[in-house]
Amino acid sequence: MSIRYYFDEHMPRIVAEKLLENGIEVILAVDVDMTQKDDDTEHLPYATQNDLVMVTFDRPFAGRTAQRTDHSGLICLSERYRSDIGGQVRLLSTFANTNEENISGHVFWLK
């Protein structure tokens, strides 16, 4: 099964659109009425229930999630990519195309 992403509300729509153009499914929190929700008790369970790998820039949340294994995977992007749309697309495309196993329960720090 290929990787499907769940973007928290701070991830740019343009990145999702570019990934979709490359055949990678992305669900945006803003499109499923998940804005202003709690990361630990709402976003992460939503992603897990829908077998989605969550993507965020929120390092404290990712750090807390690294202590857990009850999720379908989380990617935390480095702040240096915050305004680098092309960089985000490249990192997430590469990740999706090279990692299909052993993702559940893991946090990946993409720099």
C-alpha atoms as a PDB file:
ATOM      1  CA  MET A   1       0.000   0.000   0.000  1.00  0.00           C
ATOM      2  CA  SER A   2       1.386   3.401  -0.900  1.00  0.00           C
ATOM      3  CA  ILE A   3       1.852   6.222   1.580  1.00  0.00           C
ATOM      4  CA  ARG A   4      -0.991   8.684   2.014  1.00  0.00           C
ATOM      5  CA  TYR A   5      -0.345  11.946   3.843  1.00  0.00           C
ATOM      6  CA  TYR A   6      -2.374  13.988   6.299  1.00  0.00           C
ATOM      7  CA  PHE A   7      -1.257  17.627   6.449  1.00  0.00           C
ATOM      8  CA  ASP A   8      -1.951  19.554   9.620  1.00  0.00           C
ATOM      9  CA  GLU A   9      -3.489  22.984   9.177  1.00  0.00           C
ATOM     10  CA  HIS A  10      -0.105  24.712   8.893  1.00  0.00           C
ATOM     11  CA  MET A  11       1.055  22.838   5.806  1.00  0.00           C
ATOM     12  CA  PRO A  12       0.668  24.698   2.484  1.00  0.00           C
ATOM     13  CA  ARG A  13      -2.038  23.629   0.054  1.00  0.00           C
ATOM     14  CA  ILE A  14       0.329  24.130  -2.898  1.00  0.00           C
ATOM     15  CA  VAL A  15       2.552  21.324  -1.578  1.00  0.00           C
ATOM     16  CA  ALA A  16      -0.456  19.003  -1.389  1.00  0.00           C
ATOM     17  CA  GLU A  17      -1.469  19.946  -4.928  1.00  0.00           C
ATOM     18  CA  LYS A  18       2.018  19.216  -6.286  1.00  0.00           C
ATOM     19  CA  LEU A  19       2.128  15.865  -4.501  1.00  0.00           C
ATOM     20  CA  LEU A  20      -1.308  14.997  -5.873  1.00  0.00           C
ATOM     21  CA  GLU A  21      -0.020  15.801  -9.380  1.00  0.00           C
ATOM     22  CA  ASN A  22       2.693  13.209  -8.713  1.00  0.00           C
ATOM     23  CA  GLY A  23       0.142  10.585  -7.678  1.00  0.00           C
ATOM     24  CA  ILE A  24       0.592  10.912  -3.923  1.00  0.00           C
ATOM     25  CA  GLU A  25      -2.649  11.232  -1.973  1.00  0.00           C
ATOM     26  CA  VAL A  26      -2.850  14.071   0.554  1.00  0.00           C
ATOM     27  CA  ILE A  27      -5.665  14.970   2.934  1.00  0.00           C
ATOM     28  CA  LEU A  28      -5.544  18.491   4.370  1.00  0.00           C
ATOM     29  CA  ALA A  29      -6.872  19.182   7.863  1.00  0.00           C
ATOM     30  CA  VAL A  30      -8.604  22.308   6.556  1.00  0.00           C
ATOM     31  CA  ASP A  31     -10.567  20.195   4.054  1.00  0.00           C
ATOM     32  CA  VAL A  32     -11.917  17.720   6.622  1.00  0.00           C
ATOM     33  CA  ASP A  33     -13.032  20.231   9.258  1.00  0.00           C
ATOM     34  CA  MET A  34     -10.018  19.583  11.486  1.00  0.00           C
ATOM     35  CA  THR A  35      -8.818  23.153  12.031  1.00  0.00           C
ATOM     36  CA  GLN A  36      -7.962  24.325  15.525  1.00  0.00           C
ATOM     37  CA  LYS A  37      -7.936  20.765  16.847  1.00  0.00           C
ATOM     38  CA  ASP A  38      -5.532  19.294  19.383  1.00  0.00           C
ATOM     39  CA  ASP A  39      -2.532  17.534  17.824  1.00  0.00           C
ATOM     40  CA  ASP A  40      -2.305  14.715  20.352  1.00  0.00           C
ATOM     41  CA  THR A  41      -5.976  13.916  20.895  1.00  0.00           C
ATOM     42  CA  GLU A  42      -7.560  14.827  17.552  1.00  0.00           C
ATOM     43  CA  HIS A  43      -5.124  15.211  14.626  1.00  0.00           C
ATOM     44  CA  LEU A  44      -2.975  12.162  15.333  1.00  0.00           C
ATOM     45  CA  PRO A  45      -5.972   9.863  16.001  1.00  0.00           C
ATOM     46  CA  TYR A  46      -7.658  11.118  12.806  1.00  0.00           C
ATOM     47  CA  ALA A  47      -4.551  10.305  10.773  1.00  0.00           C
ATOM     48  CA  THR A  48      -4.226   6.911  12.428  1.00  0.00           C
ATOM     49  CA  GLN A  49      -7.882   5.972  11.934  1.00  0.00           C
ATOM     50  CA  ASN A  50      -7.542   6.820   8.241  1.00  0.00           C
ATOM     51  CA  ASP A  51      -4.136   5.147   7.780  1.00  0.00           C
ATOM     52  CA  LEU A  52      -2.445   8.446   6.934  1.00  0.00           C
ATOM     53  CA  VAL A  53       1.099   9.570   7.709  1.00  0.00           C
ATOM     54  CA  MET A  54       0.814  12.933   9.431  1.00  0.00           C
ATOM     55  CA  VAL A  55       3.053  15.788   8.246  1.00  0.00           C
ATOM     56  CA  THR A  56       3.892  18.812  10.392  1.00  0.00           C
ATOM     57  CA  PHE A  57       6.495  21.423  11.260  1.00  0.00           C
ATOM     58  CA  ASP A  58       5.560  21.199  14.964  1.00  0.00           C
ATOM     59  CA  ARG A  59       8.715  19.904  16.646  1.00  0.00           C
ATOM     60  CA  PRO A  60       7.311  19.729  20.208  1.00  0.00           C
ATOM     61  CA  PHE A  61       4.365  17.664  18.967  1.00  0.00           C
ATOM     62  CA  ALA A  62       6.701  15.394  16.976  1.00  0.00           C
ATOM     63  CA  GLY A  63       8.872  14.970  20.068  1.00  0.00           C
ATOM     64  CA  ARG A  64       5.859  13.868  22.119  1.00  0.00           C
ATOM     65  CA  THR A  65       4.748  11.553  19.329  1.00  0.00           C
ATOM     66  CA  ALA A  66       8.204   9.943  19.220  1.00  0.00           C
ATOM     67  CA  GLN A  67       7.422   8.567  22.695  1.00  0.00           C
ATOM     68  CA  ARG A  68       4.373   6.739  21.306  1.00  0.00           C
ATOM     69  CA  THR A  69       3.819   3.867  18.895  1.00  0.00           C
ATOM     70  CA  ASP A  70       0.024   4.006  18.520  1.00  0.00           C
ATOM     71  CA  HIS A  71      -0.030   5.967  15.257  1.00  0.00           C
ATOM     72  CA  SER A  72       0.437   5.397  11.539  1.00  0.00           C
ATOM     73  CA  GLY A  73       3.599   7.508  11.314  1.00  0.00           C
ATOM     74  CA  LEU A  74       4.561  11.163  11.534  1.00  0.00           C
ATOM     75  CA  ILE A  75       6.935  13.312   9.510  1.00  0.00           C
ATOM     76  CA  CYS A  76       8.325  16.497  11.015  1.00  0.00           C
ATOM     77  CA  LEU A  77       9.863  18.812   8.447  1.00  0.00           C
ATOM     78  CA  SER A  78      12.784  21.046   9.363  1.00  0.00           C
ATOM     79  CA  GLU A  79      11.942  24.733   9.788  1.00  0.00           C
ATOM     80  CA  ARG A  80      14.417  25.543   7.024  1.00  0.00           C
ATOM     81  CA  TYR A  81      11.847  24.146   4.573  1.00  0.00           C
ATOM     82  CA  ARG A  82       8.969  26.270   5.892  1.00  0.00           C
ATOM     83  CA  SER A  83       9.127  28.692   2.928  1.00  0.00           C
ATOM     84  CA  ASP A  84      10.706  26.240   0.462  1.00  0.00           C
ATOM     85  CA  ILE A  85       7.719  24.776  -1.373  1.00  0.00           C
ATOM     86  CA  GLY A  86       9.882  22.895  -3.875  1.00  0.00           C
ATOM     87  CA  GLY A  87      11.972  21.457  -1.062  1.00  0.00           C
ATOM     88  CA  GLN A  88       8.881  20.227   0.771  1.00  0.00           C
ATOM     89  CA  VAL A  89       7.557  18.590  -2.398  1.00  0.00           C
ATOM     90  CA  ARG A  90      10.922  16.900  -3.082  1.00  0.00           C
ATOM     91  CA  LEU A  91      11.336  15.614   0.480  1.00  0.00           C
ATOM     92  CA  LEU A  92       7.800  14.257   0.742  1.00  0.00           C
ATOM     93  CA  SER A  93       7.844  12.768  -2.768  1.00  0.00           C
ATOM     94  CA  THR A  94      11.131  11.012  -2.102  1.00  0.00           C
ATOM     95  CA  PHE A  95       9.883   9.754   1.256  1.00  0.00           C
ATOM     96  CA  ALA A  96       6.650   8.419  -0.254  1.00  0.00           C
ATOM     97  CA  ASN A  97       8.509   6.698  -3.091  1.00  0.00           C
ATOM     98  CA  THR A  98      11.173   5.059  -0.922  1.00  0.00           C
ATOM     99  CA  ASN A  99       9.409   4.215   2.357  1.00  0.00           C
ATOM    100  CA  GLU A 100       6.422   1.917   2.366  1.00  0.00           C
ATOM    101  CA  GLU A 101       7.268  -0.397   5.240  1.00  0.00           C
ATOM    102  CA  ASN A 102       7.916   0.090   8.949  1.00  0.00           C
ATOM    103  CA  ILE A 103       6.349   3.543   9.126  1.00  0.00           C
ATOM    104  CA  SER A 104       3.642   2.929  11.703  1.00  0.00           C
ATOM    105  CA  GLY A 105       4.665   4.029  15.163  1.00  0.00           C
ATOM    106  CA  HIS A 106       7.695   5.981  13.934  1.00  0.00           C
ATOM    107  CA  VAL A 107       8.543   9.676  13.706  1.00  0.00           C
ATOM    108  CA  PHE A 108      10.728  10.805  10.825  1.00  0.00           C
ATOM    109  CA  TRP A 109      12.678  14.078  11.053  1.00  0.00           C
ATOM    110  CA  LEU A 110      13.264  15.300   7.504  1.00  0.00           C
ATOM    111  CA  LYS A 111      16.010  17.905   7.280  1.00  0.00           C
END
